[in-house]
N, C-alpha and C. Protein backbone atom coordinates (compact mmCIF):
# COMPACT_ATOMS: atom_id res chain seq x y z
N MET A 1 23.98 -11.95 -13.94
CA MET A 1 22.56 -11.76 -13.74
C MET A 1 22.04 -10.80 -14.82
N ASN A 2 21.05 -11.23 -15.57
CA ASN A 2 20.55 -10.35 -16.62
C ASN A 2 19.64 -9.27 -16.04
N LYS A 3 19.30 -8.30 -16.87
CA LYS A 3 18.54 -7.14 -16.42
C LYS A 3 17.16 -7.52 -15.88
N MET A 4 16.48 -8.48 -16.50
CA MET A 4 15.16 -8.90 -16.04
C MET A 4 15.23 -9.49 -14.64
N LYS A 5 16.24 -10.31 -14.38
CA LYS A 5 16.40 -10.89 -13.04
C LYS A 5 16.70 -9.81 -12.01
N GLN A 6 17.48 -8.81 -12.40
CA GLN A 6 17.78 -7.70 -11.50
C GLN A 6 16.51 -6.94 -11.14
N ILE A 7 15.66 -6.71 -12.12
CA ILE A 7 14.41 -6.00 -11.88
C ILE A 7 13.51 -6.80 -10.96
N ILE A 8 13.39 -8.10 -11.22
CA ILE A 8 12.56 -8.96 -10.37
C ILE A 8 13.09 -8.97 -8.95
N THR A 9 14.41 -9.08 -8.80
CA THR A 9 15.02 -9.07 -7.47
C THR A 9 14.75 -7.74 -6.77
N MET A 10 14.88 -6.64 -7.50
CA MET A 10 14.61 -5.33 -6.93
C MET A 10 13.15 -5.21 -6.50
N ASN A 11 12.22 -5.70 -7.33
CA ASN A 11 10.80 -5.64 -6.98
C ASN A 11 10.50 -6.45 -5.73
N TYR A 12 11.07 -7.64 -5.63
CA TYR A 12 10.87 -8.44 -4.42
C TYR A 12 11.47 -7.76 -3.20
N SER A 13 12.59 -7.09 -3.38
CA SER A 13 13.21 -6.35 -2.28
C SER A 13 12.30 -5.22 -1.80
N ILE A 14 11.71 -4.49 -2.74
CA ILE A 14 10.77 -3.42 -2.40
C ILE A 14 9.59 -3.99 -1.64
N ILE A 15 9.04 -5.09 -2.13
CA ILE A 15 7.89 -5.71 -1.47
C ILE A 15 8.26 -6.18 -0.07
N GLN A 16 9.44 -6.75 0.09
CA GLN A 16 9.87 -7.23 1.41
C GLN A 16 10.05 -6.08 2.39
N LYS A 17 10.70 -5.01 1.95
CA LYS A 17 10.89 -3.84 2.82
C LYS A 17 9.55 -3.24 3.23
N ALA A 18 8.64 -3.14 2.29
CA ALA A 18 7.32 -2.59 2.59
C ALA A 18 6.56 -3.50 3.56
N SER A 19 6.67 -4.81 3.37
CA SER A 19 6.01 -5.77 4.26
C SER A 19 6.55 -5.65 5.68
N ASN A 20 7.86 -5.50 5.79
CA ASN A 20 8.48 -5.37 7.12
C ASN A 20 8.01 -4.10 7.82
N ALA A 21 8.00 -2.97 7.11
CA ALA A 21 7.54 -1.72 7.70
C ALA A 21 6.08 -1.82 8.10
N LEU A 22 5.28 -2.45 7.26
CA LEU A 22 3.86 -2.64 7.53
C LEU A 22 3.64 -3.45 8.81
N GLU A 23 4.34 -4.56 8.94
CA GLU A 23 4.16 -5.42 10.12
C GLU A 23 4.53 -4.70 11.41
N VAL A 24 5.62 -3.94 11.38
CA VAL A 24 6.02 -3.21 12.58
C VAL A 24 4.97 -2.16 12.94
N LEU A 25 4.51 -1.40 11.95
CA LEU A 25 3.50 -0.38 12.23
C LEU A 25 2.19 -1.01 12.72
N LYS A 26 1.79 -2.14 12.14
CA LYS A 26 0.59 -2.84 12.61
C LYS A 26 0.71 -3.17 14.09
N GLU A 27 1.85 -3.75 14.47
CA GLU A 27 2.06 -4.13 15.87
C GLU A 27 2.03 -2.91 16.79
N VAL A 28 2.66 -1.84 16.37
CA VAL A 28 2.68 -0.62 17.18
C VAL A 28 1.27 -0.07 17.34
N LEU A 29 0.51 0.01 16.25
CA LEU A 29 -0.84 0.56 16.32
C LEU A 29 -1.79 -0.35 17.08
N ASP A 30 -1.59 -1.67 16.99
CA ASP A 30 -2.42 -2.59 17.77
C ASP A 30 -2.18 -2.41 19.26
N ALA A 31 -1.00 -1.93 19.64
CA ALA A 31 -0.67 -1.72 21.05
C ALA A 31 -1.17 -0.37 21.58
N VAL A 32 -1.58 0.52 20.68
CA VAL A 32 -2.05 1.84 21.09
C VAL A 32 -3.46 1.71 21.66
N ASP A 33 -3.68 2.33 22.81
CA ASP A 33 -5.00 2.35 23.44
C ASP A 33 -5.89 3.32 22.67
N ALA A 34 -6.97 2.81 22.09
CA ALA A 34 -7.86 3.63 21.27
C ALA A 34 -8.51 4.75 22.09
N GLN A 35 -8.66 4.54 23.38
CA GLN A 35 -9.27 5.56 24.24
C GLN A 35 -8.26 6.64 24.65
N ASN A 36 -6.98 6.32 24.51
CA ASN A 36 -5.92 7.24 24.90
C ASN A 36 -4.78 7.11 23.88
N PRO A 37 -4.96 7.64 22.67
CA PRO A 37 -4.06 7.33 21.55
C PRO A 37 -2.78 8.16 21.44
N GLN A 38 -2.18 8.57 22.57
CA GLN A 38 -0.93 9.33 22.48
C GLN A 38 0.17 8.56 21.78
N GLY A 39 0.16 7.24 21.87
CA GLY A 39 1.18 6.42 21.21
C GLY A 39 1.18 6.59 19.70
N ALA A 40 0.06 7.01 19.14
CA ALA A 40 -0.01 7.22 17.69
C ALA A 40 0.69 8.52 17.28
N ARG A 41 1.06 9.33 18.27
CA ARG A 41 1.69 10.63 17.99
C ARG A 41 3.18 10.65 18.32
N ASP A 42 3.69 9.58 18.89
CA ASP A 42 5.11 9.62 19.28
C ASP A 42 6.01 9.56 18.05
N GLU A 43 7.26 9.98 18.24
CA GLU A 43 8.19 10.10 17.12
C GLU A 43 8.43 8.77 16.41
N PHE A 44 8.55 7.69 17.17
CA PHE A 44 8.78 6.36 16.58
C PHE A 44 7.62 5.98 15.66
N THR A 45 6.40 6.16 16.14
CA THR A 45 5.22 5.81 15.34
C THR A 45 5.12 6.69 14.09
N LEU A 46 5.37 7.97 14.26
CA LEU A 46 5.31 8.88 13.11
C LEU A 46 6.38 8.54 12.07
N ASP A 47 7.55 8.11 12.53
CA ASP A 47 8.59 7.65 11.60
C ASP A 47 8.13 6.41 10.84
N LEU A 48 7.48 5.49 11.54
CA LEU A 48 6.96 4.29 10.88
C LEU A 48 5.88 4.64 9.86
N VAL A 49 5.02 5.58 10.20
CA VAL A 49 3.98 6.02 9.27
C VAL A 49 4.62 6.62 8.02
N GLU A 50 5.65 7.43 8.22
CA GLU A 50 6.36 8.01 7.08
C GLU A 50 7.00 6.93 6.22
N GLN A 51 7.61 5.93 6.86
CA GLN A 51 8.20 4.82 6.10
C GLN A 51 7.14 4.08 5.30
N CYS A 52 6.00 3.80 5.93
CA CYS A 52 4.93 3.07 5.23
C CYS A 52 4.37 3.89 4.07
N SER A 53 4.24 5.19 4.24
CA SER A 53 3.77 6.04 3.14
C SER A 53 4.75 6.01 1.98
N PHE A 54 6.04 6.09 2.30
CA PHE A 54 7.08 6.01 1.28
C PHE A 54 7.04 4.65 0.59
N GLN A 55 6.93 3.58 1.37
CA GLN A 55 6.90 2.24 0.80
C GLN A 55 5.65 2.03 -0.05
N GLU A 56 4.54 2.65 0.34
CA GLU A 56 3.31 2.54 -0.46
C GLU A 56 3.55 3.09 -1.87
N GLN A 57 4.25 4.21 -1.96
CA GLN A 57 4.57 4.79 -3.27
C GLN A 57 5.45 3.85 -4.08
N ARG A 58 6.43 3.26 -3.43
CA ARG A 58 7.34 2.34 -4.12
C ARG A 58 6.58 1.10 -4.60
N VAL A 59 5.67 0.60 -3.77
CA VAL A 59 4.88 -0.58 -4.13
C VAL A 59 4.00 -0.26 -5.34
N MET A 60 3.41 0.93 -5.38
CA MET A 60 2.58 1.29 -6.53
C MET A 60 3.43 1.41 -7.79
N HIS A 61 4.66 1.84 -7.65
CA HIS A 61 5.55 1.86 -8.81
C HIS A 61 5.77 0.43 -9.32
N VAL A 62 5.92 -0.51 -8.41
CA VAL A 62 6.08 -1.92 -8.80
C VAL A 62 4.85 -2.38 -9.56
N VAL A 63 3.65 -2.03 -9.06
CA VAL A 63 2.41 -2.41 -9.75
C VAL A 63 2.41 -1.86 -11.17
N MET A 64 2.80 -0.62 -11.30
CA MET A 64 2.75 0.03 -12.61
C MET A 64 3.82 -0.47 -13.57
N ALA A 65 4.98 -0.82 -13.05
CA ALA A 65 6.11 -1.13 -13.92
C ALA A 65 6.33 -2.61 -14.17
N SER A 66 5.83 -3.46 -13.29
CA SER A 66 6.13 -4.88 -13.40
C SER A 66 5.30 -5.55 -14.49
N ARG A 67 5.85 -6.60 -15.03
CA ARG A 67 5.14 -7.42 -16.01
C ARG A 67 4.85 -8.81 -15.43
N ASP A 68 5.32 -9.07 -14.24
CA ASP A 68 5.16 -10.37 -13.58
C ASP A 68 3.86 -10.36 -12.78
N GLU A 69 2.91 -11.22 -13.17
CA GLU A 69 1.59 -11.26 -12.54
C GLU A 69 1.68 -11.54 -11.04
N ARG A 70 2.60 -12.42 -10.63
CA ARG A 70 2.73 -12.73 -9.20
C ARG A 70 3.19 -11.52 -8.41
N ILE A 71 4.14 -10.79 -8.96
CA ILE A 71 4.63 -9.59 -8.28
C ILE A 71 3.53 -8.54 -8.22
N ILE A 72 2.82 -8.35 -9.33
CA ILE A 72 1.74 -7.37 -9.36
C ILE A 72 0.67 -7.72 -8.34
N SER A 73 0.26 -8.97 -8.29
CA SER A 73 -0.77 -9.40 -7.36
C SER A 73 -0.34 -9.16 -5.91
N ARG A 74 0.89 -9.54 -5.59
CA ARG A 74 1.40 -9.34 -4.22
C ARG A 74 1.52 -7.85 -3.91
N ALA A 75 1.95 -7.06 -4.87
CA ALA A 75 2.10 -5.62 -4.64
C ALA A 75 0.74 -4.96 -4.41
N ILE A 76 -0.28 -5.38 -5.15
CA ILE A 76 -1.62 -4.82 -4.95
C ILE A 76 -2.14 -5.19 -3.56
N GLU A 77 -1.96 -6.44 -3.18
CA GLU A 77 -2.39 -6.87 -1.85
C GLU A 77 -1.66 -6.07 -0.76
N LEU A 78 -0.37 -5.90 -0.93
CA LEU A 78 0.42 -5.15 0.04
C LEU A 78 -0.01 -3.69 0.07
N ASN A 79 -0.29 -3.11 -1.08
CA ASN A 79 -0.76 -1.73 -1.12
C ASN A 79 -2.06 -1.57 -0.34
N GLU A 80 -2.96 -2.53 -0.48
CA GLU A 80 -4.21 -2.48 0.27
C GLU A 80 -3.94 -2.51 1.77
N GLN A 81 -3.04 -3.38 2.20
CA GLN A 81 -2.70 -3.47 3.62
C GLN A 81 -2.06 -2.18 4.12
N LEU A 82 -1.19 -1.59 3.32
CA LEU A 82 -0.57 -0.32 3.69
C LEU A 82 -1.64 0.77 3.83
N GLN A 83 -2.58 0.81 2.89
CA GLN A 83 -3.66 1.80 2.98
C GLN A 83 -4.45 1.63 4.26
N LYS A 84 -4.75 0.38 4.63
CA LYS A 84 -5.52 0.12 5.84
C LYS A 84 -4.78 0.56 7.09
N VAL A 85 -3.49 0.22 7.17
CA VAL A 85 -2.75 0.57 8.38
C VAL A 85 -2.56 2.09 8.47
N LEU A 86 -2.35 2.76 7.34
CA LEU A 86 -2.23 4.21 7.36
C LEU A 86 -3.57 4.87 7.71
N ALA A 87 -4.66 4.31 7.23
CA ALA A 87 -5.98 4.82 7.59
C ALA A 87 -6.26 4.61 9.07
N LYS A 88 -5.80 3.49 9.61
CA LYS A 88 -5.98 3.25 11.04
C LYS A 88 -5.23 4.30 11.85
N HIS A 89 -4.02 4.62 11.43
CA HIS A 89 -3.26 5.66 12.12
C HIS A 89 -4.01 6.99 12.06
N ASP A 90 -4.52 7.34 10.89
CA ASP A 90 -5.31 8.57 10.75
C ASP A 90 -6.51 8.55 11.69
N ASP A 91 -7.19 7.40 11.76
CA ASP A 91 -8.35 7.26 12.64
C ASP A 91 -7.97 7.42 14.11
N LEU A 92 -6.84 6.84 14.50
CA LEU A 92 -6.37 6.99 15.88
C LEU A 92 -6.11 8.46 16.20
N LEU A 93 -5.45 9.16 15.30
CA LEU A 93 -5.15 10.57 15.53
C LEU A 93 -6.43 11.41 15.63
N ALA A 94 -7.44 11.02 14.86
CA ALA A 94 -8.70 11.77 14.85
C ALA A 94 -9.67 11.29 15.92
N GLY A 95 -9.30 10.25 16.66
CA GLY A 95 -10.19 9.72 17.70
C GLY A 95 -11.36 8.94 17.16
N ARG A 96 -11.23 8.38 15.95
CA ARG A 96 -12.33 7.65 15.31
C ARG A 96 -12.25 6.14 15.48
N VAL A 97 -11.28 5.64 16.21
CA VAL A 97 -11.10 4.20 16.31
C VAL A 97 -11.88 3.67 17.51
N THR A 98 -12.63 2.60 17.25
CA THR A 98 -13.33 1.91 18.33
C THR A 98 -12.68 0.56 18.54
N MET A 99 -13.05 -0.12 19.57
CA MET A 99 -12.45 -1.42 19.86
C MET A 99 -12.70 -2.42 18.74
N THR A 100 -13.78 -2.29 18.00
CA THR A 100 -14.07 -3.25 16.94
C THR A 100 -13.25 -3.00 15.68
N THR A 101 -12.63 -1.83 15.57
CA THR A 101 -11.86 -1.55 14.37
C THR A 101 -10.36 -1.55 14.61
N THR A 102 -9.91 -2.01 15.76
CA THR A 102 -8.48 -1.93 16.05
C THR A 102 -7.69 -3.07 15.45
N ARG A 103 -8.31 -4.13 15.05
CA ARG A 103 -7.60 -5.26 14.46
C ARG A 103 -7.69 -5.22 12.95
N PHE A 104 -6.78 -5.93 12.28
CA PHE A 104 -6.72 -5.92 10.82
C PHE A 104 -7.26 -7.21 10.23
N ASP A 105 -8.02 -7.96 10.98
CA ASP A 105 -8.48 -9.26 10.52
C ASP A 105 -9.85 -9.16 9.87
N HIS A 106 -10.08 -8.12 9.11
CA HIS A 106 -11.38 -7.92 8.47
C HIS A 106 -11.54 -8.87 7.30
N GLU A 107 -12.68 -9.53 7.25
CA GLU A 107 -12.98 -10.40 6.12
C GLU A 107 -13.80 -9.61 5.12
N GLU A 108 -13.35 -9.53 3.92
CA GLU A 108 -14.06 -8.85 2.85
C GLU A 108 -14.26 -9.82 1.71
N GLU A 109 -15.22 -9.51 0.86
CA GLU A 109 -15.45 -10.34 -0.31
C GLU A 109 -14.23 -10.27 -1.22
N GLU A 110 -13.69 -11.42 -1.54
CA GLU A 110 -12.49 -11.45 -2.38
C GLU A 110 -12.86 -11.49 -3.84
N GLU A 111 -12.03 -10.86 -4.64
CA GLU A 111 -12.20 -10.84 -6.07
C GLU A 111 -11.49 -12.06 -6.65
N GLU A 112 -12.07 -12.65 -7.67
CA GLU A 112 -11.43 -13.78 -8.34
C GLU A 112 -10.12 -13.32 -8.97
N PRO A 113 -9.10 -14.19 -8.99
CA PRO A 113 -7.80 -13.79 -9.56
C PRO A 113 -7.90 -13.29 -11.00
N GLU A 114 -8.76 -13.92 -11.81
CA GLU A 114 -8.90 -13.48 -13.19
C GLU A 114 -9.47 -12.07 -13.27
N GLN A 115 -10.44 -11.77 -12.39
CA GLN A 115 -11.03 -10.43 -12.36
C GLN A 115 -9.99 -9.40 -11.93
N LEU A 116 -9.18 -9.77 -10.94
CA LEU A 116 -8.14 -8.87 -10.47
C LEU A 116 -7.15 -8.56 -11.58
N VAL A 117 -6.70 -9.59 -12.30
CA VAL A 117 -5.74 -9.40 -13.38
C VAL A 117 -6.35 -8.51 -14.47
N GLN A 118 -7.60 -8.78 -14.81
CA GLN A 118 -8.27 -7.98 -15.84
C GLN A 118 -8.41 -6.53 -15.40
N ARG A 119 -8.83 -6.31 -14.16
CA ARG A 119 -9.00 -4.96 -13.64
C ARG A 119 -7.66 -4.23 -13.58
N CYS A 120 -6.63 -4.94 -13.14
CA CYS A 120 -5.29 -4.35 -13.08
C CYS A 120 -4.82 -3.95 -14.47
N HIS A 121 -5.04 -4.83 -15.44
CA HIS A 121 -4.63 -4.55 -16.82
C HIS A 121 -5.35 -3.30 -17.35
N ILE A 122 -6.64 -3.21 -17.10
CA ILE A 122 -7.42 -2.05 -17.56
C ILE A 122 -6.89 -0.77 -16.91
N GLU A 123 -6.64 -0.82 -15.60
CA GLU A 123 -6.13 0.36 -14.90
C GLU A 123 -4.75 0.76 -15.40
N ARG A 124 -3.91 -0.22 -15.65
CA ARG A 124 -2.56 0.09 -16.15
C ARG A 124 -2.64 0.73 -17.52
N GLU A 125 -3.48 0.17 -18.40
CA GLU A 125 -3.63 0.74 -19.74
C GLU A 125 -4.17 2.16 -19.67
N ARG A 126 -5.16 2.38 -18.81
CA ARG A 126 -5.72 3.72 -18.65
C ARG A 126 -4.64 4.68 -18.16
N PHE A 127 -3.86 4.23 -17.19
CA PHE A 127 -2.78 5.06 -16.66
C PHE A 127 -1.80 5.45 -17.76
N PHE A 128 -1.34 4.46 -18.53
CA PHE A 128 -0.35 4.74 -19.55
C PHE A 128 -0.91 5.62 -20.66
N GLN A 129 -2.20 5.50 -20.96
CA GLN A 129 -2.82 6.38 -21.95
C GLN A 129 -2.89 7.81 -21.44
N GLU A 130 -3.22 7.99 -20.16
CA GLU A 130 -3.35 9.31 -19.57
C GLU A 130 -2.00 9.96 -19.30
N ASN A 131 -0.98 9.14 -19.05
CA ASN A 131 0.32 9.66 -18.61
C ASN A 131 1.44 9.06 -19.44
N LYS A 132 1.43 9.32 -20.70
CA LYS A 132 2.43 8.71 -21.58
C LYS A 132 3.85 9.06 -21.19
N ASP A 133 4.05 10.20 -20.55
CA ASP A 133 5.40 10.57 -20.13
C ASP A 133 5.77 9.99 -18.78
N GLY A 134 4.82 9.40 -18.06
CA GLY A 134 5.10 8.74 -16.79
C GLY A 134 5.28 9.69 -15.62
N SER A 135 4.91 10.97 -15.78
CA SER A 135 5.18 11.94 -14.73
C SER A 135 4.13 11.98 -13.63
N ASN A 136 3.01 11.30 -13.80
CA ASN A 136 1.94 11.41 -12.81
C ASN A 136 1.63 10.08 -12.15
N LEU A 137 2.64 9.34 -11.74
CA LEU A 137 2.44 8.03 -11.12
C LEU A 137 1.79 8.14 -9.76
N SER A 138 2.18 9.10 -8.97
CA SER A 138 1.69 9.21 -7.61
C SER A 138 0.18 9.38 -7.58
N GLY A 139 -0.46 8.60 -6.75
CA GLY A 139 -1.89 8.71 -6.57
C GLY A 139 -2.71 7.83 -7.49
N HIS A 140 -2.17 7.41 -8.62
CA HIS A 140 -2.93 6.59 -9.54
C HIS A 140 -3.00 5.16 -9.03
N MET A 141 -4.12 4.55 -9.17
CA MET A 141 -4.36 3.16 -8.77
C MET A 141 -4.32 2.98 -7.26
N ARG A 142 -4.39 4.05 -6.50
CA ARG A 142 -4.38 3.92 -5.05
C ARG A 142 -5.55 3.08 -4.57
N GLY A 143 -6.68 3.14 -5.28
CA GLY A 143 -7.84 2.40 -4.85
C GLY A 143 -7.84 0.95 -5.26
N ILE A 144 -6.84 0.51 -5.99
CA ILE A 144 -6.79 -0.88 -6.42
C ILE A 144 -6.57 -1.74 -5.19
N SER A 145 -7.35 -2.76 -5.09
CA SER A 145 -7.31 -3.62 -3.94
C SER A 145 -7.66 -5.03 -4.38
N LEU A 146 -7.17 -5.99 -3.67
CA LEU A 146 -7.53 -7.37 -3.99
C LEU A 146 -8.97 -7.67 -3.60
N HIS A 147 -9.53 -6.89 -2.70
CA HIS A 147 -10.83 -7.23 -2.15
C HIS A 147 -11.93 -6.23 -2.50
N SER A 148 -11.58 -5.06 -2.93
CA SER A 148 -12.57 -4.01 -3.12
C SER A 148 -12.45 -3.42 -4.51
N ARG A 149 -13.57 -3.29 -5.19
CA ARG A 149 -13.56 -2.73 -6.53
C ARG A 149 -13.52 -1.21 -6.51
N ASN A 150 -13.90 -0.60 -5.39
CA ASN A 150 -13.96 0.86 -5.40
C ASN A 150 -13.28 1.48 -4.19
N GLY A 151 -12.20 0.88 -3.71
CA GLY A 151 -11.46 1.44 -2.59
C GLY A 151 -10.86 2.77 -3.00
N SER A 152 -10.60 3.61 -2.02
CA SER A 152 -10.00 4.90 -2.35
C SER A 152 -9.15 5.38 -1.19
N SER A 153 -8.32 6.34 -1.48
CA SER A 153 -7.47 6.92 -0.46
C SER A 153 -7.23 8.37 -0.83
N SER A 154 -7.14 9.21 0.17
CA SER A 154 -6.87 10.62 -0.10
C SER A 154 -5.40 10.94 0.02
N ARG A 155 -4.58 9.95 0.31
CA ARG A 155 -3.15 10.21 0.44
C ARG A 155 -2.56 10.56 -0.92
N SER A 156 -1.67 11.50 -0.92
CA SER A 156 -0.96 11.82 -2.14
C SER A 156 0.44 12.24 -1.77
N GLY A 157 1.30 12.24 -2.75
CA GLY A 157 2.67 12.65 -2.48
C GLY A 157 3.53 12.40 -3.69
N SER A 158 4.74 12.86 -3.60
CA SER A 158 5.66 12.64 -4.70
C SER A 158 6.34 11.31 -4.53
N ILE A 159 6.95 10.87 -5.60
CA ILE A 159 7.59 9.57 -5.58
C ILE A 159 9.08 9.76 -5.42
N ASP A 160 9.64 9.00 -4.51
CA ASP A 160 11.07 9.03 -4.26
C ASP A 160 11.50 7.59 -4.12
N PHE A 161 12.35 7.11 -5.02
CA PHE A 161 12.72 5.70 -5.03
C PHE A 161 14.03 5.43 -4.34
N ARG A 162 14.54 6.37 -3.59
CA ARG A 162 15.78 6.13 -2.86
C ARG A 162 15.51 5.22 -1.67
N ASP A 163 16.49 4.45 -1.27
CA ASP A 163 16.37 3.61 -0.07
C ASP A 163 16.74 4.38 1.15
């Protein structure tokens, strides 16, 4: 197996692990009563939130490092979903969730694939110009989304690529 295939396999593995953690956390949060959100504070849920935060960082590394458009597109979409589920957890903890916001089936205006690729390319170039040494990956491109041109997140953290 050549190095490129190994990288692609590793990127798909990261995306799969992040997708799995996301789905489990979605199910757990959907089961939490918004009027009585103690379930959002239990150890299992907090562990899932930590896993999703870690996976979000790994997914953004894939976005920044990959050259495969399909992988980049899937990673950006997954990053958006991770941001939404983590924001929902934050909302549950803060008591800001209503019955209309407990599901993840929100329809938003979708960006054309060509626009997404162009925007991603511009963001990647800007990132590499600002961070030629690669030391400031965390937090960059967090607002990139398949559906929103100006999404944002206040989450930050260091990057740890260990499994």
